[in-house]
Structures are given as structure tokens and as C-alpha cells.
């Protein structure tokens, strides 16, 4: 009986040690801004692609977890043909690093991008970026996309006002201003302002549109996004 108990404790200790090692590696990669930190997420998407054979010429939504949590995206955008490739709690440079894996194979009709929130507010131990650095990171993403797909249009969604990260809102607003200005320099780039409907009369984030974490939207929040984003895409791609 003691042998069985000792074996069980040993197995628990091994599993705990392996989990701790994984967490340490995960945190260290974040601290180094290493885009391979999301390899597990990318493999999940690769497996999904092999199973479902996603369509080409779809409108590709790519970026951070605000897209990953948008579970009704395909239905919300119907009859537009869309593909959701939001992953992890990614930053802009993560999408750039994985462009040939996340974007190029699908030959998208257009790209809708969301990022910058995790860059400026930070995630785990990752260094926080300035608004200008977030804008420059988006420039690099666009350059990477257009190096492979020079005609594709990119729609960047304004960084949303976060309920939980409200201390970073001034920097996020500055990033939105810089993103808007940058998009005005290229006819293939488009800035979609989703900020105003997400604020109450006092200019504060509407609490009822957020999930429990105060970072991501619930069904009401995504319904608001749909009401803004879908008509723009339908007009451009009827």
C-alpha cells in the first residue's frame, strides 16, 4: 500500500515539476517577446485547417484574443465568407512573424486585423510598448503581408477601450490616432473606429459589454462590433 502511495506522490511531483518548467519557459519567452511562445496555438490552427480545409478568398480576421474569443464571428458576418485566425494573447509582432503561416496560404480577399492592446498594456512579463512602437509594429505587419500579397486590403480595428486596463487608455488612444494617420498614407489600408459605441455618456467603457475578465467582449460587445464592421466589409465586398 505504501508503495502505491509513494508512486502516486512521485507521479504528482513529476507532473507538477513539468508544469512549472512549462510555465517558466512560457514566461521567459514572453519576457523576450519571442513569437514562438504561441507555437501550441498555431499547431491547433494547423490541425483545424487540415480537418476543415478552410476556403480561400475569404476575409481573414487575424490578431489577438479579441478575435479568438469571437465565437460567433462566422455567423455574425454571414453571408460574407470569413475565417477567424485570432490566437493567444498575441502582440502585433507575433502576427508578423507568422504571416506565411497565418495569412499567405489562404490568399484572403481582405484582412481584418486587431492588435496593439497587449503591446501597450503588456502581457505577463513582456515589455510594454509605446503608442509609436505599436504603430511601427503594425507597419511591419503590413509590409510583411504586402510582400507576399501586394493587392490585399487590410482593415485595422481601433484598439478598444479596456475596462480592466483603463490606466493604459491614454496610450491606447494615442496608438489609435497613429494607426489612423498611417492608414491614410496607403489606399490599401483602412482604419475602423469602434471606440465611440463602446463608451458611455461620461466617456468611460460600457461595463455591460465585457466578459468577467474586463478585457474581452461578451455577446453584446461583439454585437456592437458586428454592427460597425460588417456594413463596411459588405460595402467593399458585396
Protein backbone atom coordinates (compact mmCIF):
# COMPACT_ATOMS: atom_id res chain seq x y z
CA UNK A 1 0.00 0.00 0.00
CA UNK A 2 2.86 2.36 0.87
CA UNK A 3 4.46 1.62 -2.49
CA UNK A 4 1.31 2.65 -4.35
CA UNK A 5 1.01 5.84 -2.33
CA UNK A 6 4.67 6.68 -2.86
CA UNK A 7 4.31 6.04 -6.60
CA UNK A 8 1.25 8.31 -6.78
CA UNK A 9 3.09 11.08 -4.92
CA UNK A 10 6.08 10.68 -7.23
CA UNK A 11 3.88 10.98 -10.31
CA UNK A 12 2.18 14.07 -8.91
CA UNK A 13 5.58 15.60 -8.20
CA UNK A 14 6.79 14.86 -11.74
CA UNK A 15 3.67 16.38 -13.30
CA UNK A 16 3.96 19.46 -11.07
CA UNK A 17 7.64 19.86 -11.99
CA UNK A 18 6.89 19.57 -15.70
CA UNK A 19 4.07 22.10 -15.39
CA UNK A 20 6.33 24.51 -13.52
CA UNK A 21 9.03 24.10 -16.17
CA UNK A 22 6.48 24.83 -18.92
CA UNK A 23 5.25 27.93 -17.10
CA UNK A 24 8.79 29.22 -16.61
CA UNK A 25 9.58 28.74 -20.31
CA UNK A 26 6.28 30.43 -21.23
CA UNK A 27 7.05 33.46 -19.05
CA UNK A 28 10.65 33.71 -20.26
CA UNK A 29 9.54 33.69 -23.90
CA UNK A 30 7.05 36.45 -23.13
CA UNK A 31 9.78 38.47 -21.44
CA UNK A 32 11.90 38.12 -24.58
CA UNK A 33 8.99 38.91 -26.94
CA UNK A 34 9.59 35.53 -28.54
CA UNK A 35 6.77 34.86 -31.07
CA UNK A 36 7.33 31.09 -30.83
CA UNK A 37 5.57 31.26 -27.45
CA UNK A 38 2.34 30.69 -29.39
CA UNK A 39 3.50 27.57 -31.21
CA UNK A 40 0.89 25.46 -29.45
CA UNK A 41 -1.85 27.81 -30.66
CA UNK A 42 -0.51 27.72 -34.20
CA UNK A 43 -0.41 23.94 -34.20
CA UNK A 44 -4.04 23.89 -33.07
CA UNK A 45 -4.96 26.11 -36.00
CA UNK A 46 -2.89 23.98 -38.39
CA UNK A 47 -4.76 20.89 -37.21
CA UNK A 48 -8.08 22.68 -37.67
CA UNK A 49 -7.11 23.65 -41.22
CA UNK A 50 -6.22 20.07 -42.11
CA UNK A 51 -9.55 18.84 -40.78
CA UNK A 52 -11.84 21.50 -42.26
CA UNK A 53 -9.95 22.75 -45.35
CA UNK A 54 -10.76 26.46 -44.93
CA UNK A 55 -11.81 28.34 -48.06
CA UNK A 56 -9.51 30.62 -49.99
CA UNK A 57 -10.62 34.13 -50.98
CA UNK A 58 -12.28 34.64 -47.59
CA UNK A 59 -11.97 37.75 -45.44
CA UNK A 60 -9.34 36.82 -42.89
CA UNK A 61 -9.63 38.04 -39.30
CA UNK A 62 -6.21 37.83 -37.69
CA UNK A 63 -4.77 39.19 -34.45
CA UNK A 64 -5.11 38.71 -30.73
CA UNK A 65 -7.58 37.04 -28.39
CA UNK A 66 -10.33 39.60 -29.02
CA UNK A 67 -10.82 37.67 -32.26
CA UNK A 68 -10.10 34.28 -30.68
CA UNK A 69 -12.99 34.80 -28.24
CA UNK A 70 -15.36 35.91 -31.01
CA UNK A 71 -17.05 32.52 -31.23
CA UNK A 72 -19.95 33.77 -33.36
CA UNK A 73 -17.78 35.59 -35.89
CA UNK A 74 -18.61 33.40 -38.89
CA UNK A 75 -22.35 33.57 -38.22
CA UNK A 76 -22.24 37.28 -37.39
CA UNK A 77 -20.55 38.14 -40.69
CA UNK A 78 -22.74 35.91 -42.91
CA UNK A 79 -23.25 35.93 -45.83
CA UNK A 80 -19.68 37.25 -46.06
CA UNK A 81 -17.17 34.40 -46.19
CA UNK A 82 -14.77 34.90 -43.26
CA UNK A 83 -12.03 32.99 -41.48
CA UNK A 84 -11.02 33.59 -37.85
CA UNK A 85 -7.32 33.33 -37.01
CA UNK A 86 -7.09 35.19 -33.72
CA UNK A 87 -4.60 33.47 -31.44
CA UNK A 88 -3.37 33.56 -27.88
CA UNK A 89 -2.84 36.87 -26.17
CA UNK A 90 -0.69 37.80 -29.11
CA UNK A 91 1.04 41.08 -29.84
CA UNK A 92 1.41 42.62 -33.28
CA UNK A 93 4.90 41.26 -33.93
CA UNK A 94 3.59 37.73 -33.30
CA UNK A 95 1.22 38.01 -36.28
CA UNK A 96 4.03 39.46 -38.40
CA UNK A 97 6.36 36.59 -37.55
CA UNK A 98 3.70 34.05 -38.55
CA UNK A 99 2.40 35.82 -41.70
CA UNK A 100 3.43 32.99 -44.02
CA UNK A 101 1.59 30.55 -41.80
CA UNK A 102 -1.43 32.57 -40.72
CA UNK A 103 -2.14 34.68 -43.79
CA UNK A 104 -0.41 33.79 -47.04
CA UNK A 105 -1.71 30.20 -47.52
CA UNK A 106 -5.33 31.40 -47.51
CA UNK A 107 -4.89 34.08 -50.19
CA UNK A 108 -7.51 36.19 -48.41
CA UNK A 109 -9.81 38.58 -50.18
CA UNK A 110 -9.08 41.09 -47.42
CA UNK A 111 -7.62 41.12 -43.92
CA UNK A 112 -9.21 42.47 -40.75
CA UNK A 113 -6.59 42.99 -38.06
CA UNK A 114 -6.81 43.58 -34.32
CA UNK A 115 -3.75 44.14 -32.16
CA UNK A 116 -1.83 46.63 -30.06
CA UNK A 117 -3.71 46.29 -26.80
CA UNK A 118 -1.34 43.61 -25.47
CA UNK A 119 1.64 45.51 -26.86
CA UNK A 120 0.94 48.65 -24.85
CA UNK A 121 -0.66 47.21 -21.70
CA UNK A 122 1.74 44.27 -21.65
CA UNK A 123 1.03 40.60 -21.08
CA UNK A 124 2.70 38.64 -18.30
CA UNK A 125 6.35 39.74 -18.29
CA UNK A 126 6.51 41.14 -21.81
CA UNK A 127 7.95 44.67 -22.10
CA UNK A 128 5.32 47.35 -22.64
CA UNK A 129 5.46 49.25 -25.92
CA UNK A 130 4.76 52.89 -26.64
CA UNK A 131 1.99 54.00 -28.97
CA UNK A 132 4.60 54.76 -31.65
CA UNK A 133 6.12 51.30 -31.27
CA UNK A 134 2.69 49.71 -31.69
CA UNK A 135 2.15 51.78 -34.86
CA UNK A 136 5.57 50.77 -36.18
CA UNK A 137 4.82 47.11 -35.43
CA UNK A 138 1.63 47.38 -37.48
CA UNK A 139 3.66 48.93 -40.33
CA UNK A 140 5.90 45.86 -40.29
CA UNK A 141 2.86 43.59 -40.37
CA UNK A 142 1.52 45.42 -43.42
CA UNK A 143 4.91 45.24 -45.14
CA UNK A 144 5.12 41.51 -44.48
CA UNK A 145 1.64 40.94 -45.89
CA UNK A 146 2.14 43.12 -48.95
CA UNK A 147 5.49 41.50 -49.73
CA UNK A 148 3.51 38.31 -50.43
CA UNK A 149 0.06 39.69 -51.28
CA UNK A 150 0.60 43.19 -52.68
CA UNK A 151 -3.02 43.86 -53.63
CA UNK A 152 -4.79 42.76 -50.46
CA UNK A 153 -6.51 45.43 -48.38
CA UNK A 154 -6.00 45.49 -44.62
CA UNK A 155 -8.65 46.82 -42.23
CA UNK A 156 -7.30 47.58 -38.75
CA UNK A 157 -9.82 47.79 -35.94
CA UNK A 158 -9.22 50.55 -33.42
CA UNK A 159 -7.94 49.37 -30.06
CA UNK A 160 -10.96 49.03 -27.80
CA UNK A 161 -11.32 50.92 -24.51
CA UNK A 162 -10.50 48.27 -21.90
CA UNK A 163 -12.45 48.09 -18.68
CA UNK A 164 -9.61 46.41 -16.78
CA UNK A 165 -6.68 48.21 -18.41
CA UNK A 166 -8.19 51.66 -18.13
CA UNK A 167 -4.89 53.11 -16.82
CA UNK A 168 -3.44 52.47 -20.28
CA UNK A 169 -6.31 54.11 -22.15
CA UNK A 170 -4.46 57.38 -22.92
CA UNK A 171 -1.61 55.44 -24.55
CA UNK A 172 -4.09 53.22 -26.41
CA UNK A 173 -5.91 56.31 -27.70
CA UNK A 174 -2.62 57.72 -28.93
CA UNK A 175 -1.92 54.44 -30.71
CA UNK A 176 -5.33 54.67 -32.38
CA UNK A 177 -4.51 58.18 -33.59
CA UNK A 178 -1.20 56.99 -35.06
CA UNK A 179 -2.82 53.97 -36.68
CA UNK A 180 -5.46 56.19 -38.30
CA UNK A 181 -2.76 58.52 -39.66
CA UNK A 182 -0.73 55.63 -41.01
CA UNK A 183 -3.72 54.09 -42.77
CA UNK A 184 -4.31 57.41 -44.53
CA UNK A 185 -0.94 57.01 -46.30
CA UNK A 186 -1.92 53.91 -48.28
CA UNK A 187 -5.17 53.24 -50.16
CA UNK A 188 -4.87 49.55 -49.26
CA UNK A 189 -5.15 50.33 -45.55
CA UNK A 190 -8.35 51.17 -43.68
CA UNK A 191 -8.96 52.21 -40.08
CA UNK A 192 -12.24 51.12 -38.48
CA UNK A 193 -13.29 53.20 -35.47
CA UNK A 194 -15.14 51.03 -32.98
CA UNK A 195 -14.39 53.14 -29.91
CA UNK A 196 -17.30 55.58 -29.58
CA UNK A 197 -20.12 52.99 -29.29
CA UNK A 198 -18.18 51.26 -26.52
CA UNK A 199 -18.16 54.33 -24.27
CA UNK A 200 -20.93 55.60 -22.02
CA UNK A 201 -22.09 59.21 -21.83
CA UNK A 202 -19.27 60.04 -19.42
CA UNK A 203 -16.67 58.65 -21.82
CA UNK A 204 -15.97 55.56 -19.76
CA UNK A 205 -16.03 51.95 -21.05
CA UNK A 206 -19.52 50.46 -21.01
CA UNK A 207 -19.27 47.72 -18.38
CA UNK A 208 -22.15 45.66 -19.79
CA UNK A 209 -20.29 44.73 -22.98
CA UNK A 210 -17.40 42.95 -21.23
CA UNK A 211 -16.85 39.42 -20.04
CA UNK A 212 -15.95 38.75 -16.42
CA UNK A 213 -12.26 39.37 -17.12
CA UNK A 214 -12.80 43.02 -18.06
CA UNK A 215 -10.66 42.54 -21.18
CA UNK A 216 -12.75 40.70 -23.75
CA UNK A 217 -16.25 41.37 -25.03
CA UNK A 218 -19.33 39.32 -24.35
CA UNK A 219 -22.17 38.75 -26.82
CA UNK A 220 -23.35 42.36 -26.50
CA UNK A 221 -19.88 43.67 -27.20
CA UNK A 222 -19.42 41.54 -30.28
CA UNK A 223 -22.88 42.51 -31.49
CA UNK A 224 -21.72 46.14 -31.36
CA UNK A 225 -18.58 45.27 -33.32
CA UNK A 226 -20.67 43.42 -35.89
CA UNK A 227 -22.93 46.44 -36.39
CA UNK A 228 -19.89 48.57 -37.24
CA UNK A 229 -17.54 46.21 -39.08
CA UNK A 230 -19.98 44.19 -41.18
CA UNK A 231 -21.52 47.08 -43.15
CA UNK A 232 -18.03 48.35 -44.05
CA UNK A 233 -17.00 44.96 -45.38
CA UNK A 234 -20.31 44.39 -47.15
CA UNK A 235 -19.94 47.70 -48.94
CA UNK A 236 -16.41 46.88 -50.05
CA UNK A 237 -17.14 43.22 -50.90
CA UNK A 238 -20.81 42.94 -51.86
